[in-house]
Amino acid sequence: MTGKRALVIAHEPDGPGGQVSVALEKRGFEVHTHVVTSTYESPNDATPFPDFAEFDVVAVMGSIRSLTRKDEIDAWVHEEMRLIREAHERQQPLLGVCFGGQLIAEAMGGSVEVAPETELGWYEIEAPDGAENPVGRGPWMEWHHDRFTPPAEAEVLASSERAVQLFTMGSLVATQFHPEVDVPHITEWLTVADDDYLAEYGRDRETILAEIRAHEARNAEQCDRLVDWFLTTTTRP
């Protein structure tokens, strides 16, 4: 055993690390998952966060919640952003996915807004001005109604037509897309997405499931490469 420890922050039970956790385990990390809230009905009833400093790496995952409605989650969201800022100060590698990326953006001086158009499906992402995109064009899975504006000091590495998709800031890496997804992950998400909601965005559960089955193996490989890049490029003490 290497003794390396990773912490995954899952904001709801159906939002674990998925393929991010698999990739970390492959690299010798003992992965610990902390579930912040246990039910959708009680978003402010949170389990206290562990100390991020006790882990070598932290991955902060997505959520059904929105930073544009902090009053629903004010029992814990400000504490989580404080922990992110402290991780940055000690140059601790921290990966934020979707809502997790939005938390990084806002914690570090950027902002989050309701996106003018929801991304729900598989999208390619491009580096700015034709530069190299370090994680690949994808397509990557998107499922978000908000988008972030990165902090001024951040380096934007990839975007879609509708949103910034990847930025770094020292030891912090933020994605708007979901590298962690696999068939069980998407199946769980669909249990709380009713048909009317999906139809509002021109989607249906059968197509979404068919897409993840088609993309699952390739996405696991690109998530593995993303985690490798994250671990080799983030700043360490």
C-alpha atoms as a PDB file:
ATOM      1  CA  MET A   1       0.000   0.000   0.000  1.00  0.00           C
ATOM      2  CA  THR A   2       1.237   3.465  -0.864  1.00  0.00           C
ATOM      3  CA  GLY A   3      -0.697   5.154   1.907  1.00  0.00           C
ATOM      4  CA  LYS A   4      -2.145   7.731  -0.510  1.00  0.00           C
ATOM      5  CA  ARG A   5      -5.668   8.847   0.418  1.00  0.00           C
ATOM      6  CA  ALA A   6      -8.292  10.533  -1.735  1.00  0.00           C
ATOM      7  CA  LEU A   7     -11.507  12.159  -0.565  1.00  0.00           C
ATOM      8  CA  VAL A   8     -14.557  12.245  -2.840  1.00  0.00           C
ATOM      9  CA  ILE A   9     -17.302  14.700  -1.895  1.00  0.00           C
ATOM     10  CA  ALA A  10     -20.698  13.434  -3.110  1.00  0.00           C
ATOM     11  CA  HIS A  11     -23.380  16.023  -2.470  1.00  0.00           C
ATOM     12  CA  GLU A  12     -26.172  13.438  -2.810  1.00  0.00           C
ATOM     13  CA  PRO A  13     -26.100   9.623  -2.638  1.00  0.00           C
ATOM     14  CA  ASP A  14     -26.473   9.312  -6.434  1.00  0.00           C
ATOM     15  CA  GLY A  15     -23.452  11.555  -7.090  1.00  0.00           C
ATOM     16  CA  PRO A  16     -20.381   9.469  -6.158  1.00  0.00           C
ATOM     17  CA  GLY A  17     -16.986   9.586  -7.828  1.00  0.00           C
ATOM     18  CA  GLY A  18     -17.764   6.950 -10.449  1.00  0.00           C
ATOM     19  CA  GLN A  19     -14.947   6.650 -12.959  1.00  0.00           C
ATOM     20  CA  VAL A  20     -12.958   9.358 -11.155  1.00  0.00           C
ATOM     21  CA  SER A  21     -12.819   7.075  -8.102  1.00  0.00           C
ATOM     22  CA  VAL A  22     -11.921   4.095 -10.315  1.00  0.00           C
ATOM     23  CA  ALA A  23      -9.031   6.043 -11.848  1.00  0.00           C
ATOM     24  CA  LEU A  24      -7.751   7.155  -8.442  1.00  0.00           C
ATOM     25  CA  GLU A  25      -7.891   3.600  -7.104  1.00  0.00           C
ATOM     26  CA  LYS A  26      -5.910   2.395 -10.123  1.00  0.00           C
ATOM     27  CA  ARG A  27      -3.199   4.852  -9.112  1.00  0.00           C
ATOM     28  CA  GLY A  28      -2.949   3.488  -5.593  1.00  0.00           C
ATOM     29  CA  PHE A  29      -5.265   5.840  -3.728  1.00  0.00           C
ATOM     30  CA  GLU A  30      -7.503   4.646  -0.938  1.00  0.00           C
ATOM     31  CA  VAL A  31     -10.719   6.463  -1.824  1.00  0.00           C
ATOM     32  CA  HIS A  32     -13.067   7.718   0.908  1.00  0.00           C
ATOM     33  CA  THR A  33     -16.498   9.019  -0.132  1.00  0.00           C
ATOM     34  CA  HIS A  34     -18.300  11.600   1.994  1.00  0.00           C
ATOM     35  CA  VAL A  35     -22.018  12.091   1.242  1.00  0.00           C
ATOM     36  CA  VAL A  36     -23.058  15.623   2.199  1.00  0.00           C
ATOM     37  CA  THR A  37     -26.865  15.273   2.135  1.00  0.00           C
ATOM     38  CA  SER A  38     -28.768  12.003   2.372  1.00  0.00           C
ATOM     39  CA  THR A  39     -32.102  12.998   0.811  1.00  0.00           C
ATOM     40  CA  TYR A  40     -33.274  15.402  -1.861  1.00  0.00           C
ATOM     41  CA  GLU A  41     -36.055  16.554   0.449  1.00  0.00           C
ATOM     42  CA  SER A  42     -33.648  17.978   3.055  1.00  0.00           C
ATOM     43  CA  PRO A  43     -30.890  19.829   1.160  1.00  0.00           C
ATOM     44  CA  ASN A  44     -29.764  21.770   4.239  1.00  0.00           C
ATOM     45  CA  ASP A  45     -29.495  18.730   6.503  1.00  0.00           C
ATOM     46  CA  ALA A  46     -25.807  17.998   5.988  1.00  0.00           C
ATOM     47  CA  THR A  47     -23.218  15.647   7.454  1.00  0.00           C
ATOM     48  CA  PRO A  48     -20.185  17.676   8.642  1.00  0.00           C
ATOM     49  CA  PHE A  49     -17.281  17.703   6.214  1.00  0.00           C
ATOM     50  CA  PRO A  50     -14.105  15.797   7.015  1.00  0.00           C
ATOM     51  CA  ASP A  51     -10.858  17.759   7.145  1.00  0.00           C
ATOM     52  CA  PHE A  52      -9.643  18.067   3.541  1.00  0.00           C
ATOM     53  CA  ALA A  53      -6.066  18.425   4.833  1.00  0.00           C
ATOM     54  CA  GLU A  54      -6.073  14.781   5.963  1.00  0.00           C
ATOM     55  CA  PHE A  55      -6.137  13.621   2.333  1.00  0.00           C
ATOM     56  CA  ASP A  56      -3.643  13.801  -0.513  1.00  0.00           C
ATOM     57  CA  VAL A  57      -6.259  14.565  -3.169  1.00  0.00           C
ATOM     58  CA  VAL A  58      -9.867  15.799  -3.080  1.00  0.00           C
ATOM     59  CA  ALA A  59     -12.543  15.420  -5.773  1.00  0.00           C
ATOM     60  CA  VAL A  60     -15.690  17.520  -5.358  1.00  0.00           C
ATOM     61  CA  MET A  61     -18.513  16.120  -7.468  1.00  0.00           C
ATOM     62  CA  GLY A  62     -21.762  17.437  -8.955  1.00  0.00           C
ATOM     63  CA  SER A  63     -25.119  18.200  -7.380  1.00  0.00           C
ATOM     64  CA  ILE A  64     -28.730  18.880  -8.215  1.00  0.00           C
ATOM     65  CA  ARG A  65     -28.337  22.109  -6.214  1.00  0.00           C
ATOM     66  CA  SER A  66     -27.470  25.560  -7.551  1.00  0.00           C
ATOM     67  CA  LEU A  67     -25.148  28.272  -6.302  1.00  0.00           C
ATOM     68  CA  THR A  68     -27.708  30.755  -7.576  1.00  0.00           C
ATOM     69  CA  ARG A  69     -29.979  29.538  -4.736  1.00  0.00           C
ATOM     70  CA  LYS A  70     -27.613  29.388  -1.782  1.00  0.00           C
ATOM     71  CA  ASP A  71     -30.434  29.810   0.722  1.00  0.00           C
ATOM     72  CA  GLU A  72     -31.370  26.160   0.082  1.00  0.00           C
ATOM     73  CA  ILE A  73     -27.890  24.964   1.080  1.00  0.00           C
ATOM     74  CA  ASP A  74     -26.473  27.676   3.323  1.00  0.00           C
ATOM     75  CA  ALA A  75     -25.921  25.227   6.197  1.00  0.00           C
ATOM     76  CA  TRP A  76     -22.932  23.764   4.337  1.00  0.00           C
ATOM     77  CA  VAL A  77     -22.078  25.486   1.052  1.00  0.00           C
ATOM     78  CA  HIS A  78     -20.055  28.341   2.568  1.00  0.00           C
ATOM     79  CA  GLU A  79     -18.074  25.852   4.652  1.00  0.00           C
ATOM     80  CA  GLU A  80     -17.287  23.814   1.552  1.00  0.00           C
ATOM     81  CA  MET A  81     -16.042  26.888  -0.305  1.00  0.00           C
ATOM     82  CA  ARG A  82     -13.847  27.761   2.686  1.00  0.00           C
ATOM     83  CA  LEU A  83     -12.342  24.260   2.555  1.00  0.00           C
ATOM     84  CA  ILE A  84     -11.635  24.732  -1.159  1.00  0.00           C
ATOM     85  CA  ARG A  85      -9.841  28.028  -0.508  1.00  0.00           C
ATOM     86  CA  GLU A  86      -7.745  26.388   2.205  1.00  0.00           C
ATOM     87  CA  ALA A  87      -6.861  23.532  -0.165  1.00  0.00           C
ATOM     88  CA  HIS A  88      -5.655  26.112  -2.684  1.00  0.00           C
ATOM     89  CA  GLU A  89      -3.576  27.887  -0.043  1.00  0.00           C
ATOM     90  CA  ARG A  90      -1.715  24.686   0.848  1.00  0.00           C
ATOM     91  CA  GLN A  91      -1.455  23.687  -2.846  1.00  0.00           C
ATOM     92  CA  GLN A  92      -3.494  20.537  -2.341  1.00  0.00           C
ATOM     93  CA  PRO A  93      -4.686  18.903  -5.606  1.00  0.00           C
ATOM     94  CA  LEU A  94      -8.461  19.351  -5.851  1.00  0.00           C
ATOM     95  CA  LEU A  95     -10.696  18.450  -8.780  1.00  0.00           C
ATOM     96  CA  GLY A  96     -14.171  19.983  -9.051  1.00  0.00           C
ATOM     97  CA  VAL A  97     -16.756  18.404 -11.378  1.00  0.00           C
ATOM     98  CA  CYS A  98     -19.794  20.392 -12.622  1.00  0.00           C
ATOM     99  CA  PHE A  99     -21.273  21.782  -9.356  1.00  0.00           C
ATOM    100  CA  GLY A 100     -17.844  21.093  -7.839  1.00  0.00           C
ATOM    101  CA  GLY A 101     -16.240  23.196 -10.581  1.00  0.00           C
ATOM    102  CA  GLN A 102     -18.773  25.940  -9.907  1.00  0.00           C
ATOM    103  CA  LEU A 103     -17.858  25.832  -6.222  1.00  0.00           C
ATOM    104  CA  ILE A 104     -14.193  26.340  -7.132  1.00  0.00           C
ATOM    105  CA  ALA A 105     -15.050  29.255  -9.408  1.00  0.00           C
ATOM    106  CA  GLU A 106     -17.122  31.094  -6.816  1.00  0.00           C
ATOM    107  CA  ALA A 107     -14.848  30.238  -3.870  1.00  0.00           C
ATOM    108  CA  MET A 108     -11.853  31.702  -5.695  1.00  0.00           C
ATOM    109  CA  GLY A 109     -13.462  34.938  -6.877  1.00  0.00           C
ATOM    110  CA  GLY A 110     -15.294  33.906 -10.045  1.00  0.00           C
ATOM    111  CA  SER A 111     -19.045  33.596 -10.354  1.00  0.00           C
ATOM    112  CA  VAL A 112     -21.906  31.261 -11.250  1.00  0.00           C
ATOM    113  CA  GLU A 113     -25.044  32.118 -13.204  1.00  0.00           C
ATOM    114  CA  VAL A 114     -28.001  30.345 -14.728  1.00  0.00           C
ATOM    115  CA  ALA A 115     -26.881  29.328 -18.214  1.00  0.00           C
ATOM    116  CA  PRO A 116     -28.847  30.792 -21.122  1.00  0.00           C
ATOM    117  CA  GLU A 117     -29.180  27.271 -22.494  1.00  0.00           C
ATOM    118  CA  THR A 118     -29.014  23.928 -20.682  1.00  0.00           C
ATOM    119  CA  GLU A 119     -26.469  21.371 -21.874  1.00  0.00           C
ATOM    120  CA  LEU A 120     -27.799  17.836 -21.473  1.00  0.00           C
ATOM    121  CA  GLY A 121     -26.036  15.236 -23.582  1.00  0.00           C
ATOM    122  CA  TRP A 122     -22.632  14.650 -25.154  1.00  0.00           C
ATOM    123  CA  TYR A 123     -20.651  17.676 -26.365  1.00  0.00           C
ATOM    124  CA  GLU A 124     -17.187  18.319 -27.765  1.00  0.00           C
ATOM    125  CA  ILE A 125     -15.029  20.917 -26.034  1.00  0.00           C
ATOM    126  CA  GLU A 126     -12.328  23.034 -27.635  1.00  0.00           C
ATOM    127  CA  ALA A 127      -9.234  24.838 -26.416  1.00  0.00           C
ATOM    128  CA  PRO A 128      -9.245  28.632 -26.805  1.00  0.00           C
ATOM    129  CA  ASP A 129      -7.605  30.061 -29.935  1.00  0.00           C
ATOM    130  CA  GLY A 130      -6.727  26.620 -31.257  1.00  0.00           C
ATOM    131  CA  ALA A 131      -4.364  25.807 -28.375  1.00  0.00           C
ATOM    132  CA  GLU A 132      -3.972  22.241 -27.151  1.00  0.00           C
ATOM    133  CA  ASN A 133      -6.814  20.858 -25.048  1.00  0.00           C
ATOM    134  CA  PRO A 134      -5.058  18.675 -22.433  1.00  0.00           C
ATOM    135  CA  VAL A 135      -8.027  16.352 -21.784  1.00  0.00           C
ATOM    136  CA  GLY A 136      -9.283  15.853 -25.334  1.00  0.00           C
ATOM    137  CA  ARG A 137     -12.313  17.071 -27.253  1.00  0.00           C
ATOM    138  CA  GLY A 138     -14.513  14.224 -26.076  1.00  0.00           C
ATOM    139  CA  PRO A 139     -17.416  14.224 -26.524  1.00  0.00           C
ATOM    140  CA  TRP A 140     -17.959  14.605 -22.775  1.00  0.00           C
ATOM    141  CA  MET A 141     -21.206  14.217 -20.854  1.00  0.00           C
ATOM    142  CA  GLU A 142     -22.920  17.458 -19.856  1.00  0.00           C
ATOM    143  CA  TRP A 143     -25.885  17.861 -17.521  1.00  0.00           C
ATOM    144  CA  HIS A 144     -26.068  21.363 -16.100  1.00  0.00           C
ATOM    145  CA  HIS A 145     -28.369  24.382 -15.913  1.00  0.00           C
ATOM    146  CA  ASP A 146     -25.760  26.797 -14.494  1.00  0.00           C
ATOM    147  CA  ARG A 147     -22.343  27.812 -15.757  1.00  0.00           C
ATOM    148  CA  PHE A 148     -19.284  29.410 -14.187  1.00  0.00           C
ATOM    149  CA  THR A 149     -17.134  32.402 -14.980  1.00  0.00           C
ATOM    150  CA  PRO A 150     -13.611  31.438 -13.846  1.00  0.00           C
ATOM    151  CA  PRO A 151     -11.597  33.657 -11.502  1.00  0.00           C
ATOM    152  CA  ALA A 152      -9.442  36.266 -13.241  1.00  0.00           C
ATOM    153  CA  GLU A 153      -6.256  34.390 -12.269  1.00  0.00           C
ATOM    154  CA  ALA A 154      -7.471  31.066 -13.723  1.00  0.00           C
ATOM    155  CA  GLU A 155      -6.278  29.555 -16.998  1.00  0.00           C
ATOM    156  CA  VAL A 156      -9.143  28.505 -19.272  1.00  0.00           C
ATOM    157  CA  LEU A 157      -8.234  25.332 -21.151  1.00  0.00           C
ATOM    158  CA  ALA A 158     -11.454  24.355 -22.937  1.00  0.00           C
ATOM    159  CA  SER A 159     -14.977  25.589 -23.694  1.00  0.00           C
ATOM    160  CA  SER A 160     -18.115  24.566 -25.544  1.00  0.00           C
ATOM    161  CA  GLU A 161     -20.331  26.982 -27.480  1.00  0.00           C
ATOM    162  CA  ARG A 162     -22.366  27.589 -24.318  1.00  0.00           C
ATOM    163  CA  ALA A 163     -19.949  27.519 -21.392  1.00  0.00           C
ATOM    164  CA  VAL A 164     -16.367  27.412 -20.176  1.00  0.00           C
ATOM    165  CA  GLN A 165     -15.674  23.721 -19.599  1.00  0.00           C
ATOM    166  CA  LEU A 166     -12.219  23.448 -18.034  1.00  0.00           C
ATOM    167  CA  PHE A 167      -9.918  25.731 -16.084  1.00  0.00           C
ATOM    168  CA  THR A 168      -6.996  25.446 -13.707  1.00  0.00           C
ATOM    169  CA  MET A 169      -5.840  27.663 -10.871  1.00  0.00           C
ATOM    170  CA  GLY A 170      -2.719  26.409  -9.124  1.00  0.00           C
ATOM    171  CA  SER A 171      -3.611  23.058  -7.574  1.00  0.00           C
ATOM    172  CA  LEU A 172      -7.299  23.416  -8.488  1.00  0.00           C
ATOM    173  CA  VAL A 173      -8.895  21.941 -11.621  1.00  0.00           C
ATOM    174  CA  ALA A 174     -12.534  22.657 -12.499  1.00  0.00           C
ATOM    175  CA  THR A 175     -14.675  20.965 -15.142  1.00  0.00           C
ATOM    176  CA  GLN A 176     -18.212  21.838 -16.198  1.00  0.00           C
ATOM    177  CA  PHE A 177     -18.625  18.427 -17.841  1.00  0.00           C
ATOM    178  CA  HIS A 178     -19.007  15.039 -16.132  1.00  0.00           C
ATOM    179  CA  PRO A 179     -15.984  12.747 -16.695  1.00  0.00           C
ATOM    180  CA  GLU A 180     -17.152  10.325 -13.976  1.00  0.00           C
ATOM    181  CA  VAL A 181     -20.291   8.949 -15.611  1.00  0.00           C
ATOM    182  CA  ASP A 182     -21.056   5.334 -16.469  1.00  0.00           C
ATOM    183  CA  VAL A 183     -24.262   3.346 -16.945  1.00  0.00           C
ATOM    184  CA  PRO A 184     -25.035   2.919 -13.194  1.00  0.00           C
ATOM    185  CA  HIS A 185     -24.410   6.635 -12.635  1.00  0.00           C
ATOM    186  CA  ILE A 186     -26.770   7.818 -15.355  1.00  0.00           C
ATOM    187  CA  THR A 187     -29.364   5.210 -14.386  1.00  0.00           C
ATOM    188  CA  GLU A 188     -29.425   6.643 -10.860  1.00  0.00           C
ATOM    189  CA  TRP A 189     -29.751  10.208 -12.130  1.00  0.00           C
ATOM    190  CA  LEU A 190     -32.719   9.223 -14.273  1.00  0.00           C
ATOM    191  CA  THR A 191     -34.612   7.937 -11.240  1.00  0.00           C
ATOM    192  CA  VAL A 192     -35.122  11.556 -10.143  1.00  0.00           C
ATOM    193  CA  ALA A 193     -35.611  13.056 -13.624  1.00  0.00           C
ATOM    194  CA  ASP A 194     -39.231  12.681 -14.710  1.00  0.00           C
ATOM    195  CA  ASP A 195     -40.365  12.507 -18.325  1.00  0.00           C
ATOM    196  CA  ASP A 196     -41.755  16.047 -18.357  1.00  0.00           C
ATOM    197  CA  TYR A 197     -38.451  17.473 -17.156  1.00  0.00           C
ATOM    198  CA  LEU A 198     -36.498  15.571 -19.827  1.00  0.00           C
ATOM    199  CA  ALA A 199     -38.969  16.563 -22.556  1.00  0.00           C
ATOM    200  CA  GLU A 200     -38.494  20.223 -21.607  1.00  0.00           C
ATOM    201  CA  TYR A 201     -34.915  19.873 -22.844  1.00  0.00           C
ATOM    202  CA  GLY A 202     -35.734  17.708 -25.848  1.00  0.00           C
ATOM    203  CA  ARG A 203     -34.506  14.501 -24.219  1.00  0.00           C
ATOM    204  CA  ASP A 204     -35.952  11.136 -23.164  1.00  0.00           C
ATOM    205  CA  ARG A 205     -34.613   8.468 -20.836  1.00  0.00           C
ATOM    206  CA  GLU A 206     -34.320   5.737 -23.472  1.00  0.00           C
ATOM    207  CA  THR A 207     -32.051   7.872 -25.650  1.00  0.00           C
ATOM    208  CA  ILE A 208     -29.965   9.032 -22.688  1.00  0.00           C
ATOM    209  CA  LEU A 209     -29.416   5.425 -21.589  1.00  0.00           C
ATOM    210  CA  ALA A 210     -28.572   4.341 -25.140  1.00  0.00           C
ATOM    211  CA  GLU A 211     -26.011   7.141 -25.357  1.00  0.00           C
ATOM    212  CA  ILE A 212     -24.231   6.254 -22.112  1.00  0.00           C
ATOM    213  CA  ARG A 213     -24.079   2.599 -23.154  1.00  0.00           C
ATOM    214  CA  ALA A 214     -22.490   3.674 -26.435  1.00  0.00           C
ATOM    215  CA  HIS A 215     -20.035   6.085 -24.783  1.00  0.00           C
ATOM    216  CA  GLU A 216     -19.280   4.239 -21.520  1.00  0.00           C
ATOM    217  CA  ALA A 217     -16.082   2.387 -22.471  1.00  0.00           C
ATOM    218  CA  ARG A 218     -14.573   5.346 -24.319  1.00  0.00           C
ATOM    219  CA  ASN A 219     -15.550   7.733 -21.519  1.00  0.00           C
ATOM    220  CA  ALA A 220     -13.868   5.512 -18.910  1.00  0.00           C
ATOM    221  CA  GLU A 221     -10.653   5.750 -20.938  1.00  0.00           C
ATOM    222  CA  GLN A 222     -10.833   9.525 -21.314  1.00  0.00           C
ATOM    223  CA  CYS A 223     -11.671   9.945 -17.618  1.00  0.00           C
ATOM    224  CA  ASP A 224      -8.615   7.848 -16.810  1.00  0.00           C
ATOM    225  CA  ARG A 225      -6.479  10.178 -18.937  1.00  0.00           C
ATOM    226  CA  LEU A 226      -8.049  13.249 -17.325  1.00  0.00           C
ATOM    227  CA  VAL A 227      -7.245  12.001 -13.817  1.00  0.00           C
ATOM    228  CA  ASP A 228      -3.689  11.196 -14.926  1.00  0.00           C
ATOM    229  CA  TRP A 229      -3.306  14.735 -16.296  1.00  0.00           C
ATOM    230  CA  PHE A 230      -4.835  16.223 -13.132  1.00  0.00           C
ATOM    231  CA  LEU A 231      -2.436  14.345 -10.861  1.00  0.00           C
ATOM    232  CA  THR A 232       0.644  15.206 -12.933  1.00  0.00           C
ATOM    233  CA  THR A 233      -0.101  18.886 -13.487  1.00  0.00           C
ATOM    234  CA  THR A 234      -1.554  20.160 -10.217  1.00  0.00           C
ATOM    235  CA  THR A 235       0.832  22.041  -7.933  1.00  0.00           C
ATOM    236  CA  ARG A 236       2.130  20.250  -4.865  1.00  0.00           C
ATOM    237  CA  PRO A 237       3.881  21.602  -1.787  1.00  0.00           C
END
